Amino acid sequence: MSKRYGFFGGSFNPVTKAHINLANIVLNKYNLDKVILVPMGDHYQKQNLINEKYRYEMLKIATKEQNKLEVSNIELNLPYSLSMVQAFQKIKESYPKVIPYFIIGADNIEKLIKLPNLEVLAKTYNYIILERYKTCKKEKITLNPILNNYKAHFNVLEYNPYEKISSTEVRDLLKNNNEKEILEMIEKEVYEYIKINKLYKK
């Protein structure tokens, strides 16, 4: 029987306790064998994105005690940013013996709907949708004819206890050296790594 892996993409800039806790919630709720965290590369268009090598290393630090969480560098060291379709295909090729579940934020449903090969994506892959600020009710899936046709492939995690915790908030705290609040949001070893490498300075 094929193993079921979740693939959790993001900038992880930096990785927070919320990312790790959410990965574990998904792991247990959907009975996955592993969750692979997939940091985006340097060419992804996002403000204040630090070098991919630092984000990758912070993920490694944050997951070192997590037996069922791993980190992949599949999107790193590339001369361009992968599209959603390219990333999914690359993951499928790299993990041919597993059933992939792509863990995406609810905002990405809108991006998915606009893609020309939506039907192929909906038919081929399984998704776990992370609700954020009530942006994705199940109705959004049922109202789209293509998504509704393959609605069994779309799982919506409606209760996300960590939706208000963001890497942006952590970066703001780091600029102000607010250590007590920082340590509530990121692991101590990740914080030490940030300080040693002088990351997120003003």
N, C-alpha and C. Protein backbone atom coordinates (compact mmCIF):
# COMPACT_ATOMS: atom_id res chain seq x y z
N MET A 1 0.84 -1.20 0.00
CA MET A 1 0.00 0.00 0.00
C MET A 1 0.88 1.26 0.00
N SER A 2 0.57 2.19 -0.88
CA SER A 2 1.38 3.41 -0.99
C SER A 2 1.24 4.29 0.25
N LYS A 3 2.33 4.93 0.62
CA LYS A 3 2.30 5.85 1.76
C LYS A 3 1.72 7.18 1.31
N ARG A 4 1.15 7.90 2.27
CA ARG A 4 0.51 9.18 2.02
C ARG A 4 1.36 10.29 2.63
N TYR A 5 1.87 11.17 1.77
CA TYR A 5 2.71 12.27 2.23
C TYR A 5 2.01 13.60 1.96
N GLY A 6 2.10 14.49 2.94
CA GLY A 6 1.64 15.85 2.73
C GLY A 6 2.82 16.72 2.35
N PHE A 7 2.63 17.63 1.41
CA PHE A 7 3.69 18.55 0.97
C PHE A 7 3.24 19.97 1.27
N PHE A 8 3.92 20.59 2.21
CA PHE A 8 3.55 21.88 2.76
C PHE A 8 4.53 22.94 2.27
N GLY A 9 4.12 23.67 1.25
CA GLY A 9 4.99 24.69 0.67
C GLY A 9 4.81 26.05 1.32
N GLY A 10 5.84 26.87 1.24
CA GLY A 10 5.75 28.21 1.80
C GLY A 10 7.11 28.89 1.79
N SER A 11 7.13 30.15 2.15
CA SER A 11 8.41 30.86 2.21
C SER A 11 9.14 30.57 3.52
N PHE A 12 8.36 30.31 4.60
CA PHE A 12 8.95 30.00 5.92
C PHE A 12 10.04 31.04 6.26
N ASN A 13 9.59 32.26 6.37
CA ASN A 13 10.50 33.41 6.43
C ASN A 13 10.29 34.27 7.68
N PRO A 14 10.58 33.76 8.88
CA PRO A 14 11.16 32.44 9.21
C PRO A 14 10.06 31.43 9.56
N VAL A 15 10.47 30.18 9.76
CA VAL A 15 9.55 29.15 10.23
C VAL A 15 9.13 29.48 11.66
N THR A 16 7.85 29.33 11.94
CA THR A 16 7.33 29.61 13.28
C THR A 16 6.84 28.31 13.94
N LYS A 17 6.55 28.41 15.23
CA LYS A 17 5.96 27.27 15.93
C LYS A 17 4.62 26.91 15.31
N ALA A 18 3.92 27.93 14.80
CA ALA A 18 2.62 27.70 14.17
C ALA A 18 2.75 26.80 12.95
N HIS A 19 3.79 27.01 12.13
CA HIS A 19 4.00 26.15 10.96
C HIS A 19 4.15 24.69 11.38
N ILE A 20 4.96 24.46 12.40
CA ILE A 20 5.23 23.09 12.85
C ILE A 20 3.99 22.47 13.48
N ASN A 21 3.30 23.23 14.32
CA ASN A 21 2.09 22.71 14.96
C ASN A 21 1.00 22.41 13.94
N LEU A 22 0.87 23.28 12.95
CA LEU A 22 -0.13 23.08 11.90
C LEU A 22 0.21 21.84 11.06
N ALA A 23 1.48 21.65 10.76
CA ALA A 23 1.91 20.46 10.02
C ALA A 23 1.54 19.20 10.78
N ASN A 24 1.68 19.23 12.10
CA ASN A 24 1.33 18.06 12.92
C ASN A 24 -0.18 17.84 13.00
N ILE A 25 -0.94 18.93 13.03
CA ILE A 25 -2.40 18.80 13.03
C ILE A 25 -2.86 18.11 11.75
N VAL A 26 -2.32 18.57 10.61
CA VAL A 26 -2.67 17.98 9.32
C VAL A 26 -2.24 16.51 9.25
N LEU A 27 -1.03 16.26 9.72
CA LEU A 27 -0.48 14.90 9.74
C LEU A 27 -1.44 13.93 10.43
N ASN A 28 -1.91 14.33 11.60
CA ASN A 28 -2.77 13.45 12.40
C ASN A 28 -4.21 13.41 11.90
N LYS A 29 -4.75 14.56 11.53
CA LYS A 29 -6.15 14.61 11.10
C LYS A 29 -6.39 13.80 9.83
N TYR A 30 -5.43 13.85 8.90
CA TYR A 30 -5.61 13.18 7.61
C TYR A 30 -4.83 11.87 7.51
N ASN A 31 -4.33 11.43 8.65
CA ASN A 31 -3.66 10.12 8.72
C ASN A 31 -2.54 9.97 7.67
N LEU A 32 -1.69 10.99 7.61
CA LEU A 32 -0.57 10.96 6.68
C LEU A 32 0.63 10.26 7.31
N ASP A 33 1.48 9.70 6.48
CA ASP A 33 2.69 9.04 6.98
C ASP A 33 3.79 10.06 7.29
N LYS A 34 3.82 11.15 6.52
CA LYS A 34 4.80 12.21 6.74
C LYS A 34 4.26 13.52 6.17
N VAL A 35 4.81 14.62 6.68
CA VAL A 35 4.60 15.91 6.04
C VAL A 35 5.97 16.45 5.68
N ILE A 36 6.12 16.81 4.41
CA ILE A 36 7.37 17.37 3.90
C ILE A 36 7.19 18.88 3.75
N LEU A 37 8.03 19.65 4.44
CA LEU A 37 7.98 21.10 4.30
C LEU A 37 8.87 21.52 3.13
N VAL A 38 8.31 22.31 2.23
CA VAL A 38 8.99 22.65 0.98
C VAL A 38 9.16 24.18 0.88
N PRO A 39 10.33 24.69 1.28
CA PRO A 39 10.55 26.14 1.18
C PRO A 39 10.71 26.59 -0.27
N MET A 40 10.15 27.75 -0.58
CA MET A 40 10.28 28.32 -1.92
C MET A 40 11.68 28.90 -2.11
N GLY A 41 12.12 28.92 -3.35
CA GLY A 41 13.45 29.42 -3.66
C GLY A 41 13.54 30.94 -3.67
N ASP A 42 14.73 31.43 -3.91
CA ASP A 42 15.01 32.86 -3.86
C ASP A 42 14.31 33.66 -4.96
N HIS A 43 13.88 33.02 -6.03
CA HIS A 43 13.28 33.75 -7.13
C HIS A 43 11.78 33.97 -6.96
N TYR A 44 11.23 33.45 -5.88
CA TYR A 44 9.82 33.68 -5.59
C TYR A 44 9.63 35.16 -5.27
N GLN A 45 8.63 35.79 -5.89
CA GLN A 45 8.42 37.23 -5.74
C GLN A 45 7.70 37.53 -4.42
N LYS A 46 8.47 37.80 -3.41
CA LYS A 46 7.91 38.14 -2.10
C LYS A 46 8.85 39.10 -1.41
N GLN A 47 8.26 40.12 -0.80
CA GLN A 47 9.06 41.14 -0.12
C GLN A 47 9.77 40.59 1.11
N ASN A 48 10.96 41.11 1.36
CA ASN A 48 11.73 40.78 2.57
C ASN A 48 12.09 39.30 2.69
N LEU A 49 12.19 38.63 1.57
CA LEU A 49 12.54 37.21 1.57
C LEU A 49 14.05 37.05 1.73
N ILE A 50 14.47 36.42 2.82
CA ILE A 50 15.91 36.21 3.00
C ILE A 50 16.38 35.00 2.20
N ASN A 51 17.69 34.85 2.08
CA ASN A 51 18.28 33.79 1.27
C ASN A 51 17.74 32.41 1.64
N GLU A 52 17.50 31.62 0.59
CA GLU A 52 16.91 30.28 0.77
C GLU A 52 17.71 29.38 1.68
N LYS A 53 19.05 29.53 1.70
CA LYS A 53 19.87 28.63 2.54
C LYS A 53 19.56 28.83 4.01
N TYR A 54 19.26 30.07 4.42
CA TYR A 54 18.94 30.34 5.82
C TYR A 54 17.55 29.79 6.17
N ARG A 55 16.61 29.98 5.26
CA ARG A 55 15.26 29.48 5.52
C ARG A 55 15.23 27.96 5.59
N TYR A 56 16.02 27.34 4.73
CA TYR A 56 16.13 25.88 4.73
C TYR A 56 16.75 25.38 6.04
N GLU A 57 17.83 26.01 6.48
CA GLU A 57 18.50 25.59 7.71
C GLU A 57 17.61 25.79 8.93
N MET A 58 16.84 26.89 8.96
CA MET A 58 15.93 27.10 10.08
C MET A 58 14.85 26.02 10.14
N LEU A 59 14.37 25.59 8.98
CA LEU A 59 13.41 24.50 8.92
C LEU A 59 14.02 23.20 9.45
N LYS A 60 15.27 22.95 9.08
CA LYS A 60 15.95 21.74 9.56
C LYS A 60 16.06 21.76 11.09
N ILE A 61 16.39 22.93 11.63
CA ILE A 61 16.50 23.07 13.08
C ILE A 61 15.14 22.85 13.74
N ALA A 62 14.10 23.44 13.18
CA ALA A 62 12.77 23.38 13.78
C ALA A 62 12.15 21.99 13.73
N THR A 63 12.60 21.15 12.79
CA THR A 63 12.00 19.82 12.62
C THR A 63 12.89 18.68 13.11
N LYS A 64 14.04 18.99 13.69
CA LYS A 64 14.99 17.92 14.01
C LYS A 64 14.47 16.92 15.03
N GLU A 65 13.52 17.33 15.88
CA GLU A 65 12.94 16.41 16.87
C GLU A 65 11.61 15.84 16.39
N GLN A 66 11.25 16.13 15.16
CA GLN A 66 9.95 15.71 14.62
C GLN A 66 10.14 14.52 13.68
N ASN A 67 9.80 13.34 14.15
CA ASN A 67 10.05 12.12 13.38
C ASN A 67 9.28 12.05 12.06
N LYS A 68 8.12 12.66 12.01
CA LYS A 68 7.29 12.55 10.82
C LYS A 68 7.25 13.82 9.98
N LEU A 69 8.13 14.76 10.31
CA LEU A 69 8.26 15.97 9.50
C LEU A 69 9.65 15.99 8.88
N GLU A 70 9.71 16.33 7.59
CA GLU A 70 10.99 16.44 6.89
C GLU A 70 11.02 17.74 6.09
N VAL A 71 12.20 18.10 5.63
CA VAL A 71 12.37 19.31 4.83
C VAL A 71 12.95 18.92 3.48
N SER A 72 12.39 19.48 2.42
CA SER A 72 12.88 19.20 1.07
C SER A 72 13.48 20.46 0.45
N ASN A 73 14.58 20.28 -0.30
CA ASN A 73 15.20 21.41 -1.01
C ASN A 73 14.86 21.39 -2.50
N ILE A 74 13.76 20.75 -2.82
CA ILE A 74 13.37 20.51 -4.21
C ILE A 74 13.16 21.80 -5.02
N GLU A 75 12.80 22.90 -4.34
CA GLU A 75 12.56 24.17 -5.04
C GLU A 75 13.74 25.12 -4.91
N LEU A 76 14.82 24.66 -4.30
CA LEU A 76 15.97 25.53 -4.07
C LEU A 76 17.05 25.34 -5.13
N ASN A 77 17.97 26.30 -5.17
CA ASN A 77 19.11 26.25 -6.10
C ASN A 77 18.68 26.19 -7.57
N LEU A 78 17.61 26.90 -7.88
CA LEU A 78 17.12 26.96 -9.26
C LEU A 78 17.27 28.39 -9.80
N PRO A 79 17.43 28.54 -11.11
CA PRO A 79 17.58 29.89 -11.69
C PRO A 79 16.25 30.62 -11.90
N TYR A 80 15.15 30.00 -11.48
CA TYR A 80 13.83 30.59 -11.67
C TYR A 80 12.89 30.06 -10.58
N SER A 81 11.75 30.70 -10.43
CA SER A 81 10.76 30.27 -9.46
C SER A 81 9.80 29.27 -10.12
N LEU A 82 9.49 28.19 -9.44
CA LEU A 82 8.57 27.20 -9.99
C LEU A 82 7.12 27.69 -9.86
N SER A 83 6.33 27.44 -10.89
CA SER A 83 4.90 27.69 -10.80
C SER A 83 4.28 26.57 -9.95
N MET A 84 3.03 26.75 -9.58
CA MET A 84 2.34 25.71 -8.81
C MET A 84 2.34 24.38 -9.57
N VAL A 85 2.05 24.46 -10.85
CA VAL A 85 2.01 23.25 -11.69
C VAL A 85 3.38 22.58 -11.74
N GLN A 86 4.43 23.37 -11.97
CA GLN A 86 5.79 22.82 -12.04
C GLN A 86 6.21 22.19 -10.71
N ALA A 87 5.87 22.85 -9.62
CA ALA A 87 6.24 22.33 -8.29
C ALA A 87 5.54 21.00 -8.03
N PHE A 88 4.24 20.92 -8.34
CA PHE A 88 3.50 19.68 -8.13
C PHE A 88 4.09 18.54 -8.96
N GLN A 89 4.42 18.84 -10.22
CA GLN A 89 4.96 17.82 -11.11
C GLN A 89 6.33 17.34 -10.63
N LYS A 90 7.14 18.28 -10.19
CA LYS A 90 8.48 17.93 -9.71
C LYS A 90 8.41 17.05 -8.47
N ILE A 91 7.50 17.38 -7.58
CA ILE A 91 7.31 16.58 -6.36
C ILE A 91 6.83 15.19 -6.72
N LYS A 92 5.88 15.11 -7.65
CA LYS A 92 5.36 13.81 -8.07
C LYS A 92 6.47 12.93 -8.66
N GLU A 93 7.34 13.56 -9.45
CA GLU A 93 8.46 12.81 -10.06
C GLU A 93 9.50 12.40 -9.01
N SER A 94 9.69 13.24 -8.01
CA SER A 94 10.71 12.96 -6.98
C SER A 94 10.24 11.95 -5.94
N TYR A 95 8.93 11.83 -5.79
CA TYR A 95 8.36 10.89 -4.81
C TYR A 95 7.36 9.98 -5.53
N PRO A 96 7.83 9.15 -6.48
CA PRO A 96 6.92 8.39 -7.33
C PRO A 96 6.12 7.30 -6.61
N LYS A 97 6.57 6.90 -5.42
CA LYS A 97 5.91 5.79 -4.73
C LYS A 97 4.95 6.22 -3.63
N VAL A 98 4.70 7.51 -3.53
CA VAL A 98 3.78 7.98 -2.50
C VAL A 98 2.56 8.65 -3.12
N ILE A 99 1.47 8.70 -2.35
CA ILE A 99 0.29 9.46 -2.74
C ILE A 99 0.45 10.86 -2.16
N PRO A 100 0.62 11.89 -3.01
CA PRO A 100 0.86 13.24 -2.49
C PRO A 100 -0.42 13.98 -2.13
N TYR A 101 -0.36 14.70 -1.03
CA TYR A 101 -1.43 15.62 -0.63
C TYR A 101 -0.79 17.00 -0.55
N PHE A 102 -1.27 17.93 -1.36
CA PHE A 102 -0.67 19.26 -1.37
C PHE A 102 -1.40 20.16 -0.38
N ILE A 103 -0.64 20.63 0.60
CA ILE A 103 -1.19 21.46 1.67
C ILE A 103 -1.03 22.92 1.23
N ILE A 104 -2.15 23.59 0.99
CA ILE A 104 -2.08 24.96 0.48
C ILE A 104 -3.01 25.88 1.29
N GLY A 105 -2.64 27.14 1.34
CA GLY A 105 -3.49 28.13 1.99
C GLY A 105 -4.74 28.36 1.17
N ALA A 106 -5.82 28.77 1.84
CA ALA A 106 -7.09 28.97 1.16
C ALA A 106 -7.00 29.99 0.04
N ASP A 107 -6.11 30.98 0.17
CA ASP A 107 -5.97 32.00 -0.87
C ASP A 107 -5.50 31.40 -2.20
N ASN A 108 -4.84 30.24 -2.12
CA ASN A 108 -4.34 29.61 -3.35
C ASN A 108 -5.44 28.94 -4.17
N ILE A 109 -6.63 28.78 -3.58
CA ILE A 109 -7.75 28.23 -4.35
C ILE A 109 -8.08 29.17 -5.52
N GLU A 110 -8.04 30.48 -5.26
CA GLU A 110 -8.31 31.46 -6.33
C GLU A 110 -7.28 31.34 -7.45
N LYS A 111 -6.01 31.13 -7.09
CA LYS A 111 -4.95 30.96 -8.10
C LYS A 111 -5.20 29.69 -8.90
N LEU A 112 -5.60 28.64 -8.19
CA LEU A 112 -5.85 27.34 -8.82
C LEU A 112 -6.97 27.45 -9.85
N ILE A 113 -8.05 28.13 -9.48
CA ILE A 113 -9.22 28.26 -10.35
C ILE A 113 -8.88 28.96 -11.66
N LYS A 114 -7.92 29.89 -11.61
CA LYS A 114 -7.56 30.68 -12.78
C LYS A 114 -6.59 29.96 -13.74
N LEU A 115 -6.05 28.81 -13.31
CA LEU A 115 -5.08 28.11 -14.16
C LEU A 115 -5.77 27.41 -15.32
N PRO A 116 -5.16 27.45 -16.52
CA PRO A 116 -5.79 26.85 -17.71
C PRO A 116 -5.94 25.34 -17.62
N ASN A 117 -5.05 24.69 -16.84
CA ASN A 117 -5.13 23.23 -16.72
C ASN A 117 -5.75 22.82 -15.39
N LEU A 118 -6.76 23.57 -14.95
CA LEU A 118 -7.42 23.31 -13.67
C LEU A 118 -7.97 21.89 -13.58
N GLU A 119 -8.60 21.43 -14.65
CA GLU A 119 -9.23 20.11 -14.59
C GLU A 119 -8.19 19.01 -14.36
N VAL A 120 -7.05 19.12 -15.03
CA VAL A 120 -5.97 18.13 -14.84
C VAL A 120 -5.48 18.16 -13.39
N LEU A 121 -5.29 19.35 -12.85
CA LEU A 121 -4.81 19.50 -11.47
C LEU A 121 -5.82 18.95 -10.47
N ALA A 122 -7.09 19.25 -10.69
CA ALA A 122 -8.14 18.79 -9.78
C ALA A 122 -8.31 17.27 -9.84
N LYS A 123 -8.16 16.73 -11.02
CA LYS A 123 -8.33 15.28 -11.22
C LYS A 123 -7.14 14.48 -10.72
N THR A 124 -5.93 15.04 -10.87
CA THR A 124 -4.70 14.29 -10.63
C THR A 124 -4.27 14.27 -9.17
N TYR A 125 -4.49 15.37 -8.45
CA TYR A 125 -3.90 15.50 -7.12
C TYR A 125 -4.93 15.63 -6.01
N ASN A 126 -4.46 15.38 -4.78
CA ASN A 126 -5.27 15.58 -3.57
C ASN A 126 -4.78 16.85 -2.87
N TYR A 127 -5.70 17.56 -2.25
CA TYR A 127 -5.36 18.83 -1.60
C TYR A 127 -5.89 18.88 -0.17
N ILE A 128 -5.13 19.56 0.67
CA ILE A 128 -5.59 19.90 2.02
C ILE A 128 -5.54 21.43 2.08
N ILE A 129 -6.70 22.04 2.22
CA ILE A 129 -6.81 23.50 2.17
C ILE A 129 -6.83 24.06 3.60
N LEU A 130 -5.92 24.97 3.89
CA LEU A 130 -5.85 25.58 5.21
C LEU A 130 -6.67 26.86 5.23
N GLU A 131 -7.74 26.85 6.00
CA GLU A 131 -8.60 28.04 6.10
C GLU A 131 -7.82 29.20 6.70
N ARG A 132 -7.96 30.39 6.11
CA ARG A 132 -7.34 31.60 6.66
C ARG A 132 -8.33 32.74 6.58
N TYR A 133 -8.66 33.32 7.72
CA TYR A 133 -9.55 34.48 7.80
C TYR A 133 -10.84 34.25 7.02
N LYS A 134 -11.35 33.03 7.12
CA LYS A 134 -12.64 32.69 6.48
C LYS A 134 -12.62 32.89 4.96
N THR A 135 -11.46 32.68 4.36
CA THR A 135 -11.34 32.94 2.91
C THR A 135 -11.81 31.77 2.06
N CYS A 136 -11.97 30.61 2.66
CA CYS A 136 -12.33 29.45 1.82
C CYS A 136 -13.35 28.57 2.51
N LYS A 137 -14.61 28.83 2.24
CA LYS A 137 -15.63 27.92 2.70
C LYS A 137 -15.76 26.81 1.65
N LYS A 138 -16.33 25.70 2.06
CA LYS A 138 -16.47 24.58 1.13
C LYS A 138 -17.32 24.97 -0.07
N GLU A 139 -18.18 25.99 0.11
CA GLU A 139 -19.03 26.43 -0.99
C GLU A 139 -18.22 26.90 -2.19
N LYS A 140 -17.04 27.45 -1.92
CA LYS A 140 -16.18 27.93 -3.01
C LYS A 140 -15.79 26.79 -3.93
N ILE A 141 -15.64 25.60 -3.35
CA ILE A 141 -15.31 24.41 -4.14
C ILE A 141 -16.55 23.90 -4.86
N THR A 142 -17.68 23.83 -4.15
CA THR A 142 -18.89 23.28 -4.77
C THR A 142 -19.46 24.20 -5.85
N LEU A 143 -19.18 25.51 -5.76
CA LEU A 143 -19.70 26.45 -6.75
C LEU A 143 -18.93 26.42 -8.07
N ASN A 144 -17.70 25.90 -8.03
CA ASN A 144 -16.93 25.79 -9.26
C ASN A 144 -17.19 24.40 -9.88
N PRO A 145 -17.70 24.34 -11.10
CA PRO A 145 -18.08 23.05 -11.70
C PRO A 145 -16.95 22.02 -11.73
N ILE A 146 -15.74 22.48 -12.06
CA ILE A 146 -14.61 21.54 -12.16
C ILE A 146 -14.21 21.05 -10.78
N LEU A 147 -14.05 21.98 -9.83
CA LEU A 147 -13.67 21.57 -8.47
C LEU A 147 -14.74 20.69 -7.85
N ASN A 148 -16.00 21.03 -8.10
CA ASN A 148 -17.09 20.24 -7.55
C ASN A 148 -17.09 18.82 -8.09
N ASN A 149 -16.69 18.69 -9.35
CA ASN A 149 -16.64 17.36 -9.98
C ASN A 149 -15.62 16.45 -9.30
N TYR A 150 -14.57 17.08 -8.72
CA TYR A 150 -13.51 16.32 -8.05
C TYR A 150 -13.42 16.72 -6.58
N LYS A 151 -14.54 17.06 -5.97
CA LYS A 151 -14.53 17.59 -4.60
C LYS A 151 -13.99 16.60 -3.57
N ALA A 152 -13.99 15.32 -3.92
CA ALA A 152 -13.42 14.31 -3.01
C ALA A 152 -11.91 14.50 -2.86
N HIS A 153 -11.28 15.23 -3.80
CA HIS A 153 -9.84 15.48 -3.76
C HIS A 153 -9.49 16.71 -2.91
N PHE A 154 -10.52 17.44 -2.44
CA PHE A 154 -10.29 18.68 -1.70
C PHE A 154 -10.77 18.56 -0.25
N ASN A 155 -9.81 18.59 0.65
CA ASN A 155 -10.11 18.52 2.08
C ASN A 155 -9.88 19.90 2.69
N VAL A 156 -10.87 20.46 3.35
CA VAL A 156 -10.74 21.80 3.93
C VAL A 156 -10.59 21.71 5.44
N LEU A 157 -9.43 22.15 5.93
CA LEU A 157 -9.21 22.22 7.37
C LEU A 157 -9.80 23.55 7.85
N GLU A 158 -11.06 23.49 8.28
CA GLU A 158 -11.78 24.73 8.59
C GLU A 158 -11.32 25.36 9.90
N TYR A 159 -10.86 24.52 10.83
CA TYR A 159 -10.39 25.08 12.10
C TYR A 159 -8.88 25.18 12.07
N ASN A 160 -8.38 26.39 11.96
CA ASN A 160 -6.94 26.64 11.95
C ASN A 160 -6.61 27.53 13.15
N PRO A 161 -6.18 26.93 14.27
CA PRO A 161 -5.93 27.72 15.48
C PRO A 161 -4.75 28.66 15.38
N TYR A 162 -3.97 28.54 14.30
CA TYR A 162 -2.75 29.35 14.16
C TYR A 162 -2.84 30.37 13.03
N GLU A 163 -4.05 30.62 12.51
CA GLU A 163 -4.17 31.46 11.33
C GLU A 163 -3.72 32.90 11.55
N LYS A 164 -3.73 33.36 12.80
CA LYS A 164 -3.37 34.76 13.05
C LYS A 164 -1.88 34.95 13.33
N ILE A 165 -1.15 33.84 13.43
CA ILE A 165 0.29 33.93 13.67
C ILE A 165 1.00 33.93 12.32
N SER A 166 1.82 34.94 12.08
CA SER A 166 2.47 35.03 10.78
C SER A 166 3.96 35.30 10.92
N SER A 167 4.70 34.93 9.88
CA SER A 167 6.14 35.21 9.83
C SER A 167 6.39 36.72 9.79
N THR A 168 5.45 37.46 9.19
CA THR A 168 5.58 38.92 9.15
C THR A 168 5.63 39.49 10.56
N GLU A 169 4.76 39.00 11.41
CA GLU A 169 4.72 39.45 12.81
C GLU A 169 6.05 39.14 13.50
N VAL A 170 6.58 37.95 13.24
CA VAL A 170 7.86 37.56 13.84
C VAL A 170 8.97 38.49 13.37
N ARG A 171 8.99 38.79 12.08
CA ARG A 171 10.03 39.69 11.55
C ARG A 171 9.97 41.07 12.21
N ASP A 172 8.76 41.55 12.44
CA ASP A 172 8.60 42.85 13.11
C ASP A 172 9.14 42.79 14.54
N LEU A 173 8.87 41.70 15.23
CA LEU A 173 9.36 41.53 16.60
C LEU A 173 10.89 41.44 16.62
N LEU A 174 11.45 40.78 15.62
CA LEU A 174 12.91 40.63 15.54
C LEU A 174 13.59 41.99 15.34
N LYS A 175 12.96 42.85 14.57
CA LYS A 175 13.54 44.18 14.34
C LYS A 175 13.59 44.99 15.63
N ASN A 176 12.65 44.70 16.54
CA ASN A 176 12.58 45.44 17.79
C ASN A 176 13.19 44.68 18.97
N ASN A 177 13.81 43.52 18.64
CA ASN A 177 14.48 42.70 19.67
C ASN A 177 13.57 42.37 20.86
N ASN A 178 12.32 42.07 20.56
CA ASN A 178 11.36 41.74 21.61
C ASN A 178 11.45 40.25 21.92
N GLU A 179 12.45 39.87 22.69
CA GLU A 179 12.81 38.45 22.88
C GLU A 179 11.68 37.62 23.49
N LYS A 180 11.01 38.13 24.49
CA LYS A 180 9.97 37.35 25.15
C LYS A 180 8.88 36.94 24.17
N GLU A 181 8.39 37.89 23.39
CA GLU A 181 7.35 37.58 22.41
C GLU A 181 7.88 36.73 21.27
N ILE A 182 9.12 36.96 20.87
CA ILE A 182 9.73 36.17 19.80
C ILE A 182 9.75 34.69 20.17
N LEU A 183 10.14 34.39 21.40
CA LEU A 183 10.26 33.00 21.84
C LEU A 183 8.91 32.32 22.04
N GLU A 184 7.85 33.10 22.06
CA GLU A 184 6.51 32.51 22.08
C GLU A 184 6.12 32.03 20.69
N MET A 185 6.80 32.55 19.68
CA MET A 185 6.40 32.28 18.29
C MET A 185 7.36 31.43 17.49
N ILE A 186 8.65 31.43 17.88
CA ILE A 186 9.62 30.58 17.18
C ILE A 186 10.45 29.80 18.20
N GLU A 187 11.02 28.70 17.77
CA GLU A 187 11.85 27.87 18.65
C GLU A 187 13.12 28.63 19.05
N LYS A 188 13.58 28.34 20.27
CA LYS A 188 14.76 29.02 20.79
C LYS A 188 15.98 28.82 19.89
N GLU A 189 16.16 27.60 19.39
CA GLU A 189 17.32 27.32 18.54
C GLU A 189 17.23 28.06 17.21
N VAL A 190 16.02 28.24 16.72
CA VAL A 190 15.83 29.02 15.49
C VAL A 190 16.19 30.48 15.77
N TYR A 191 15.78 30.98 16.92
CA TYR A 191 16.10 32.35 17.31
C TYR A 191 17.61 32.55 17.44
N GLU A 192 18.28 31.58 18.03
CA GLU A 192 19.74 31.66 18.17
C GLU A 192 20.41 31.68 16.80
N TYR A 193 19.89 30.88 15.89
CA TYR A 193 20.43 30.83 14.53
C TYR A 193 20.26 32.19 13.85
N ILE A 194 19.10 32.80 14.04
CA ILE A 194 18.83 34.12 13.46
C ILE A 194 19.82 35.16 14.00
N LYS A 195 20.06 35.11 15.30
CA LYS A 195 20.98 36.08 15.92
C LYS A 195 22.42 35.87 15.44
N ILE A 196 22.86 34.62 15.39
CA ILE A 196 24.23 34.31 14.96
C ILE A 196 24.48 34.80 13.53
N ASN A 197 23.48 34.62 12.67
CA ASN A 197 23.63 34.98 11.26
C ASN A 197 23.15 36.39 10.93
N LYS A 198 22.76 37.13 11.99
CA LYS A 198 22.35 38.54 11.83
C LYS A 198 21.25 38.71 10.77
N LEU A 199 20.23 37.88 10.89
CA LEU A 199 19.12 37.91 9.93
C LEU A 199 18.04 38.88 10.39
N TYR A 200 17.29 39.40 9.43
CA TYR A 200 16.15 40.27 9.68
C TYR A 200 16.52 41.55 10.43
N LYS A 201 17.70 42.05 10.14
CA LYS A 201 18.10 43.32 10.74
C LYS A 201 17.38 44.47 10.03
N LYS A 202 17.30 45.61 10.71
CA LYS A 202 16.64 46.78 10.12
C LYS A 202 17.41 47.24 8.88
